[in-house]
């Protein structure tokens, strides 16, 4: 079987990543760290969502609605 068809195991992936990172300059490492941290935290909220409930009125061209909004 061709080795390119095999999925690398987790420790093999980690070892390869470490090898690549060790060969980077300090500037490249900092840029990689910044990019990875931005990816991890871009969709996270700064604070926990608080419970919320409100009655809302809204309308379209010809109808009026009353509903609720909650989290």
PDB file of N, CA and C in Angstrom:
ATOM      1  N   UNK A   1       0.836  -1.181   0.000  1.00  0.00           N
ATOM      2  CA  UNK A   1       0.000   0.000   0.000  1.00  0.00           C
ATOM      3  C   UNK A   1       0.881   1.245   0.000  1.00  0.00           C
ATOM      4  N   UNK A   2       0.496   2.230  -0.766  1.00  0.00           N
ATOM      5  CA  UNK A   2       1.224   3.485  -0.852  1.00  0.00           C
ATOM      6  C   UNK A   2       1.048   4.262   0.454  1.00  0.00           C
ATOM      7  N   UNK A   3       2.141   4.777   1.035  1.00  0.00           N
ATOM      8  CA  UNK A   3       2.057   5.480   2.319  1.00  0.00           C
ATOM      9  C   UNK A   3       1.311   6.797   2.214  1.00  0.00           C
ATOM     10  N   UNK A   4       1.183   7.374   1.018  1.00  0.00           N
ATOM     11  CA  UNK A   4       0.452   8.639   0.878  1.00  0.00           C
ATOM     12  C   UNK A   4      -1.050   8.445   1.056  1.00  0.00           C
ATOM     13  N   UNK A   5      -1.535   7.176   0.964  1.00  0.00           N
ATOM     14  CA  UNK A   5      -2.950   6.892   1.160  1.00  0.00           C
ATOM     15  C   UNK A   5      -3.319   6.790   2.637  1.00  0.00           C
ATOM     16  N   UNK A   6      -2.326   6.632   3.505  1.00  0.00           N
ATOM     17  CA  UNK A   6      -2.596   6.459   4.923  1.00  0.00           C
ATOM     18  C   UNK A   6      -2.793   7.818   5.594  1.00  0.00           C
ATOM     19  N   UNK A   7      -3.702   7.839   6.584  1.00  0.00           N
ATOM     20  CA  UNK A   7      -3.876   9.046   7.381  1.00  0.00           C
ATOM     21  C   UNK A   7      -2.798   9.072   8.445  1.00  0.00           C
ATOM     22  N   UNK A   8      -2.133  10.209   8.618  1.00  0.00           N
ATOM     23  CA  UNK A   8      -1.121  10.263   9.668  1.00  0.00           C
ATOM     24  C   UNK A   8      -1.791  10.216  11.039  1.00  0.00           C
ATOM     25  N   UNK A   9      -1.139   9.528  11.991  1.00  0.00           N
ATOM     26  CA  UNK A   9      -1.710   9.473  13.329  1.00  0.00           C
ATOM     27  C   UNK A   9      -1.473  10.805  14.032  1.00  0.00           C
ATOM     28  N   UNK A  10      -2.165  10.997  15.154  1.00  0.00           N
ATOM     29  CA  UNK A  10      -2.107  12.281  15.863  1.00  0.00           C
ATOM     30  C   UNK A  10      -0.686  12.644  16.281  1.00  0.00           C
ATOM     31  N   UNK A  11       0.059  11.691  16.825  1.00  0.00           N
ATOM     32  CA  UNK A  11       1.420  12.003  17.270  1.00  0.00           C
ATOM     33  C   UNK A  11       2.322  12.324  16.075  1.00  0.00           C
ATOM     34  N   UNK A  12       2.068  11.676  14.934  1.00  0.00           N
ATOM     35  CA  UNK A  12       2.845  11.976  13.734  1.00  0.00           C
ATOM     36  C   UNK A  12       2.572  13.381  13.222  1.00  0.00           C
ATOM     37  N   UNK A  13       1.312  13.801  13.284  1.00  0.00           N
ATOM     38  CA  UNK A  13       0.944  15.157  12.860  1.00  0.00           C
ATOM     39  C   UNK A  13       1.602  16.175  13.786  1.00  0.00           C
ATOM     40  N   UNK A  14       1.514  15.923  15.085  1.00  0.00           N
ATOM     41  CA  UNK A  14       2.106  16.838  16.061  1.00  0.00           C
ATOM     42  C   UNK A  14       3.617  16.935  15.870  1.00  0.00           C
ATOM     43  N   UNK A  15       4.252  15.808  15.652  1.00  0.00           N
ATOM     44  CA  UNK A  15       5.705  15.803  15.447  1.00  0.00           C
ATOM     45  C   UNK A  15       6.078  16.601  14.200  1.00  0.00           C
ATOM     46  N   UNK A  16       5.312  16.436  13.147  1.00  0.00           N
ATOM     47  CA  UNK A  16       5.605  17.170  11.898  1.00  0.00           C
ATOM     48  C   UNK A  16       5.390  18.668  12.078  1.00  0.00           C
ATOM     49  N   UNK A  17       4.319  19.030  12.788  1.00  0.00           N
ATOM     50  CA  UNK A  17       4.069  20.451  13.062  1.00  0.00           C
ATOM     51  C   UNK A  17       5.218  21.056  13.870  1.00  0.00           C
ATOM     52  N   UNK A  18       5.644  20.344  14.901  1.00  0.00           N
ATOM     53  CA  UNK A  18       6.753  20.843  15.710  1.00  0.00           C
ATOM     54  C   UNK A  18       8.029  20.993  14.891  1.00  0.00           C
ATOM     55  N   UNK A  19       8.273  20.050  14.017  1.00  0.00           N
ATOM     56  CA  UNK A  19       9.456  20.124  13.152  1.00  0.00           C
ATOM     57  C   UNK A  19       9.400  21.368  12.260  1.00  0.00           C
ATOM     58  N   UNK A  20       8.237  21.607  11.669  1.00  0.00           N
ATOM     59  CA  UNK A  20       8.086  22.785  10.811  1.00  0.00           C
ATOM     60  C   UNK A  20       8.232  24.079  11.607  1.00  0.00           C
ATOM     61  N   UNK A  21       7.633  24.112  12.789  1.00  0.00           N
ATOM     62  CA  UNK A  21       7.693  25.315  13.616  1.00  0.00           C
ATOM     63  C   UNK A  21       9.124  25.584  14.079  1.00  0.00           C
ATOM     64  N   UNK A  22       9.860  24.536  14.447  1.00  0.00           N
ATOM     65  CA  UNK A  22      11.244  24.711  14.880  1.00  0.00           C
ATOM     66  C   UNK A  22      12.108  25.320  13.785  1.00  0.00           C
ATOM     67  N   UNK A  23      11.762  25.082  12.516  1.00  0.00           N
ATOM     68  CA  UNK A  23      12.538  25.613  11.398  1.00  0.00           C
ATOM     69  C   UNK A  23      12.122  27.034  11.002  1.00  0.00           C
ATOM     70  N   UNK A  24      11.119  27.590  11.668  1.00  0.00           N
ATOM     71  CA  UNK A  24      10.670  28.948  11.381  1.00  0.00           C
ATOM     72  C   UNK A  24      11.510  29.959  12.166  1.00  0.00           C
ATOM     73  N   UNK A  25      11.554  31.166  11.634  1.00  0.00           N
ATOM     74  CA  UNK A  25      12.194  32.249  12.382  1.00  0.00           C
ATOM     75  C   UNK A  25      11.261  32.675  13.520  1.00  0.00           C
ATOM     76  N   UNK A  26      11.800  33.416  14.466  1.00  0.00           N
ATOM     77  CA  UNK A  26      10.993  33.904  15.584  1.00  0.00           C
ATOM     78  C   UNK A  26       9.832  34.765  15.067  1.00  0.00           C
ATOM     79  N   UNK A  27      10.091  35.553  14.064  1.00  0.00           N
ATOM     80  CA  UNK A  27       9.054  36.411  13.465  1.00  0.00           C
ATOM     81  C   UNK A  27       7.930  35.571  12.837  1.00  0.00           C
ATOM     82  N   UNK A  28       8.311  34.510  12.133  1.00  0.00           N
ATOM     83  CA  UNK A  28       7.309  33.614  11.536  1.00  0.00           C
ATOM     84  C   UNK A  28       6.498  32.899  12.612  1.00  0.00           C
ATOM     85  N   UNK A  29       7.159  32.498  13.685  1.00  0.00           N
ATOM     86  CA  UNK A  29       6.450  31.834  14.783  1.00  0.00           C
ATOM     87  C   UNK A  29       5.417  32.763  15.418  1.00  0.00           C
ATOM     88  N   UNK A  30       5.811  34.007  15.646  1.00  0.00           N
ATOM     89  CA  UNK A  30       4.882  34.979  16.233  1.00  0.00           C
ATOM     90  C   UNK A  30       3.693  35.232  15.312  1.00  0.00           C
ATOM     91  N   UNK A  31       3.941  35.323  14.011  1.00  0.00           N
ATOM     92  CA  UNK A  31       2.858  35.527  13.046  1.00  0.00           C
ATOM     93  C   UNK A  31       1.914  34.322  13.038  1.00  0.00           C
ATOM     94  N   UNK A  32       2.463  33.118  13.090  1.00  0.00           N
ATOM     95  CA  UNK A  32       1.643  31.901  13.135  1.00  0.00           C
ATOM     96  C   UNK A  32       0.811  31.863  14.410  1.00  0.00           C
ATOM     97  N   UNK A  33       1.427  32.172  15.536  1.00  0.00           N
ATOM     98  CA  UNK A  33       0.710  32.198  16.815  1.00  0.00           C
ATOM     99  C   UNK A  33      -0.446  33.185  16.770  1.00  0.00           C
ATOM    100  N   UNK A  34      -0.192  34.371  16.253  1.00  0.00           N
ATOM    101  CA  UNK A  34      -1.241  35.395  16.155  1.00  0.00           C
ATOM    102  C   UNK A  34      -2.393  34.908  15.284  1.00  0.00           C
ATOM    103  N   UNK A  35      -2.079  34.319  14.144  1.00  0.00           N
ATOM    104  CA  UNK A  35      -3.115  33.827  13.226  1.00  0.00           C
ATOM    105  C   UNK A  35      -3.946  32.713  13.867  1.00  0.00           C
ATOM    106  N   UNK A  36      -3.291  31.787  14.534  1.00  0.00           N
ATOM    107  CA  UNK A  36      -4.014  30.677  15.172  1.00  0.00           C
ATOM    108  C   UNK A  36      -4.900  31.180  16.309  1.00  0.00           C
ATOM    109  N   UNK A  37      -4.399  32.119  17.104  1.00  0.00           N
ATOM    110  CA  UNK A  37      -5.213  32.667  18.191  1.00  0.00           C
ATOM    111  C   UNK A  37      -6.423  33.421  17.645  1.00  0.00           C
ATOM    112  N   UNK A  38      -6.244  34.162  16.561  1.00  0.00           N
ATOM    113  CA  UNK A  38      -7.374  34.876  15.948  1.00  0.00           C
ATOM    114  C   UNK A  38      -8.420  33.893  15.439  1.00  0.00           C
ATOM    115  N   UNK A  39      -7.991  32.802  14.846  1.00  0.00           N
ATOM    116  CA  UNK A  39      -8.939  31.785  14.364  1.00  0.00           C
ATOM    117  C   UNK A  39      -9.729  31.165  15.503  1.00  0.00           C
ATOM    118  N   UNK A  40      -9.062  30.879  16.610  1.00  0.00           N
ATOM    119  CA  UNK A  40      -9.716  30.237  17.745  1.00  0.00           C
ATOM    120  C   UNK A  40     -10.726  31.146  18.434  1.00  0.00           C
ATOM    121  N   UNK A  41     -10.458  32.439  18.469  1.00  0.00           N
ATOM    122  CA  UNK A  41     -11.279  33.338  19.256  1.00  0.00           C
ATOM    123  C   UNK A  41     -12.164  34.260  18.442  1.00  0.00           C
ATOM    124  N   UNK A  42     -12.164  34.145  17.129  1.00  0.00           N
ATOM    125  CA  UNK A  42     -12.933  35.091  16.318  1.00  0.00           C
ATOM    126  C   UNK A  42     -14.440  34.961  16.521  1.00  0.00           C
ATOM    127  N   UNK A  43     -14.956  33.776  16.806  1.00  0.00           N
ATOM    128  CA  UNK A  43     -16.392  33.590  16.962  1.00  0.00           C
ATOM    129  C   UNK A  43     -16.821  33.446  18.416  1.00  0.00           C
ATOM    130  N   UNK A  44     -15.931  33.677  19.340  1.00  0.00           N
ATOM    131  CA  UNK A  44     -16.271  33.524  20.751  1.00  0.00           C
ATOM    132  C   UNK A  44     -16.720  34.863  21.318  1.00  0.00           C
ATOM    133  N   UNK A  45     -17.691  34.791  22.198  1.00  0.00           N
ATOM    134  CA  UNK A  45     -18.181  35.990  22.869  1.00  0.00           C
ATOM    135  C   UNK A  45     -17.193  36.420  23.944  1.00  0.00           C
ATOM    136  N   UNK A  46     -17.131  37.719  24.164  1.00  0.00           N
ATOM    137  CA  UNK A  46     -16.288  38.231  25.231  1.00  0.00           C
ATOM    138  C   UNK A  46     -16.902  37.907  26.594  1.00  0.00           C
ATOM    139  N   UNK A  47     -18.246  37.965  26.676  1.00  0.00           N
ATOM    140  CA  UNK A  47     -18.948  37.697  27.931  1.00  0.00           C
ATOM    141  C   UNK A  47     -20.050  36.678  27.685  1.00  0.00           C
ATOM    142  N   UNK A  48     -20.456  35.993  28.751  1.00  0.00           N
ATOM    143  CA  UNK A  48     -21.559  35.053  28.650  1.00  0.00           C
ATOM    144  C   UNK A  48     -22.844  35.785  28.296  1.00  0.00           C
ATOM    145  N   UNK A  49     -23.701  35.139  27.534  1.00  0.00           N
ATOM    146  CA  UNK A  49     -24.976  35.725  27.172  1.00  0.00           C
ATOM    147  C   UNK A  49     -25.897  35.716  28.387  1.00  0.00           C
ATOM    148  N   UNK A  50     -26.547  36.847  28.642  1.00  0.00           N
ATOM    149  CA  UNK A  50     -27.486  36.940  29.760  1.00  0.00           C
ATOM    150  C   UNK A  50     -28.874  36.547  29.284  1.00  0.00           C
ATOM    151  N   UNK A  51     -29.692  35.987  30.186  1.00  0.00           N
ATOM    152  CA  UNK A  51     -31.070  35.669  29.807  1.00  0.00           C
ATOM    153  C   UNK A  51     -31.805  36.949  29.393  1.00  0.00           C
ATOM    154  N   UNK A  52     -32.631  36.839  28.383  1.00  0.00           N
ATOM    155  CA  UNK A  52     -33.320  38.019  27.858  1.00  0.00           C
ATOM    156  C   UNK A  52     -34.709  37.608  27.392  1.00  0.00           C
ATOM    157  N   UNK A  53     -35.688  38.453  27.686  1.00  0.00           N
ATOM    158  CA  UNK A  53     -37.052  38.228  27.208  1.00  0.00           C
ATOM    159  C   UNK A  53     -37.680  39.595  26.992  1.00  0.00           C
ATOM    160  N   UNK A  54     -38.330  39.766  25.833  1.00  0.00           N
ATOM    161  CA  UNK A  54     -38.970  41.041  25.540  1.00  0.00           C
ATOM    162  C   UNK A  54     -40.126  40.816  24.570  1.00  0.00           C
ATOM    163  N   UNK A  55     -41.212  41.552  24.800  1.00  0.00           N
ATOM    164  CA  UNK A  55     -42.327  41.553  23.858  1.00  0.00           C
ATOM    165  C   UNK A  55     -41.994  42.599  22.798  1.00  0.00           C
ATOM    166  N   UNK A  56     -42.153  42.214  21.541  1.00  0.00           N
ATOM    167  CA  UNK A  56     -41.835  43.135  20.444  1.00  0.00           C
ATOM    168  C   UNK A  56     -43.031  43.293  19.514  1.00  0.00           C
ATOM    169  N   UNK A  57     -43.201  44.492  19.030  1.00  0.00           N
ATOM    170  CA  UNK A  57     -44.222  44.798  18.014  1.00  0.00           C
ATOM    171  C   UNK A  57     -43.479  45.171  16.743  1.00  0.00           C
ATOM    172  N   UNK A  58     -43.932  44.643  15.635  1.00  0.00           N
ATOM    173  CA  UNK A  58     -43.330  44.997  14.351  1.00  0.00           C
ATOM    174  C   UNK A  58     -44.382  44.925  13.271  1.00  0.00           C
ATOM    175  N   UNK A  59     -44.095  45.549  12.157  1.00  0.00           N
ATOM    176  CA  UNK A  59     -45.097  45.591  11.089  1.00  0.00           C
ATOM    177  C   UNK A  59     -44.446  45.443   9.730  1.00  0.00           C
ATOM    178  N   UNK A  60     -45.295  45.041   8.783  1.00  0.00           N
ATOM    179  CA  UNK A  60     -44.916  45.016   7.373  1.00  0.00           C
ATOM    180  C   UNK A  60     -45.787  46.063   6.704  1.00  0.00           C
ATOM    181  N   UNK A  61     -45.824  46.073   5.394  1.00  0.00           N
ATOM    182  CA  UNK A  61     -46.615  47.076   4.682  1.00  0.00           C
ATOM    183  C   UNK A  61     -48.090  47.044   5.072  1.00  0.00           C
ATOM    184  N   UNK A  62     -48.641  45.854   5.310  1.00  0.00           N
ATOM    185  CA  UNK A  62     -50.079  45.771   5.541  1.00  0.00           C
ATOM    186  C   UNK A  62     -50.487  45.025   6.808  1.00  0.00           C
ATOM    187  N   UNK A  63     -49.523  44.616   7.653  1.00  0.00           N
ATOM    188  CA  UNK A  63     -49.881  43.864   8.866  1.00  0.00           C
ATOM    189  C   UNK A  63     -49.032  44.302  10.052  1.00  0.00           C
ATOM    190  N   UNK A  64     -49.613  44.143  11.239  1.00  0.00           N
ATOM    191  CA  UNK A  64     -48.906  44.438  12.482  1.00  0.00           C
ATOM    192  C   UNK A  64     -48.824  43.134  13.276  1.00  0.00           C
ATOM    193  N   UNK A  65     -47.680  42.899  13.878  1.00  0.00           N
ATOM    194  CA  UNK A  65     -47.459  41.671  14.630  1.00  0.00           C
ATOM    195  C   UNK A  65     -46.994  41.977  16.039  1.00  0.00           C
ATOM    196  N   UNK A  66     -47.292  41.083  16.960  1.00  0.00           N
ATOM    197  CA  UNK A  66     -46.782  41.133  18.328  1.00  0.00           C
ATOM    198  C   UNK A  66     -46.177  39.759  18.590  1.00  0.00           C
ATOM    199  N   UNK A  67     -44.967  39.763  19.107  1.00  0.00           N
ATOM    200  CA  UNK A  67     -44.279  38.502  19.336  1.00  0.00           C
ATOM    201  C   UNK A  67     -43.318  38.670  20.514  1.00  0.00           C
ATOM    202  N   UNK A  68     -42.500  37.661  20.754  1.00  0.00           N
ATOM    203  CA  UNK A  68     -41.505  37.734  21.815  1.00  0.00           C
ATOM    204  C   UNK A  68     -40.130  37.417  21.274  1.00  0.00           C
ATOM    205  N   UNK A  69     -39.157  37.948  21.975  1.00  0.00           N
ATOM    206  CA  UNK A  69     -37.757  37.658  21.648  1.00  0.00           C
ATOM    207  C   UNK A  69     -37.108  37.197  22.941  1.00  0.00           C
ATOM    208  N   UNK A  70     -36.421  36.059  22.885  1.00  0.00           N
ATOM    209  CA  UNK A  70     -35.766  35.564  24.095  1.00  0.00           C
ATOM    210  C   UNK A  70     -34.484  34.810  23.747  1.00  0.00           C
ATOM    211  N   UNK A  71     -33.602  34.710  24.748  1.00  0.00           N
ATOM    212  CA  UNK A  71     -32.374  33.940  24.591  1.00  0.00           C
ATOM    213  C   UNK A  71     -32.298  32.899  25.674  1.00  0.00           C
TER     214      UNK A  71
END
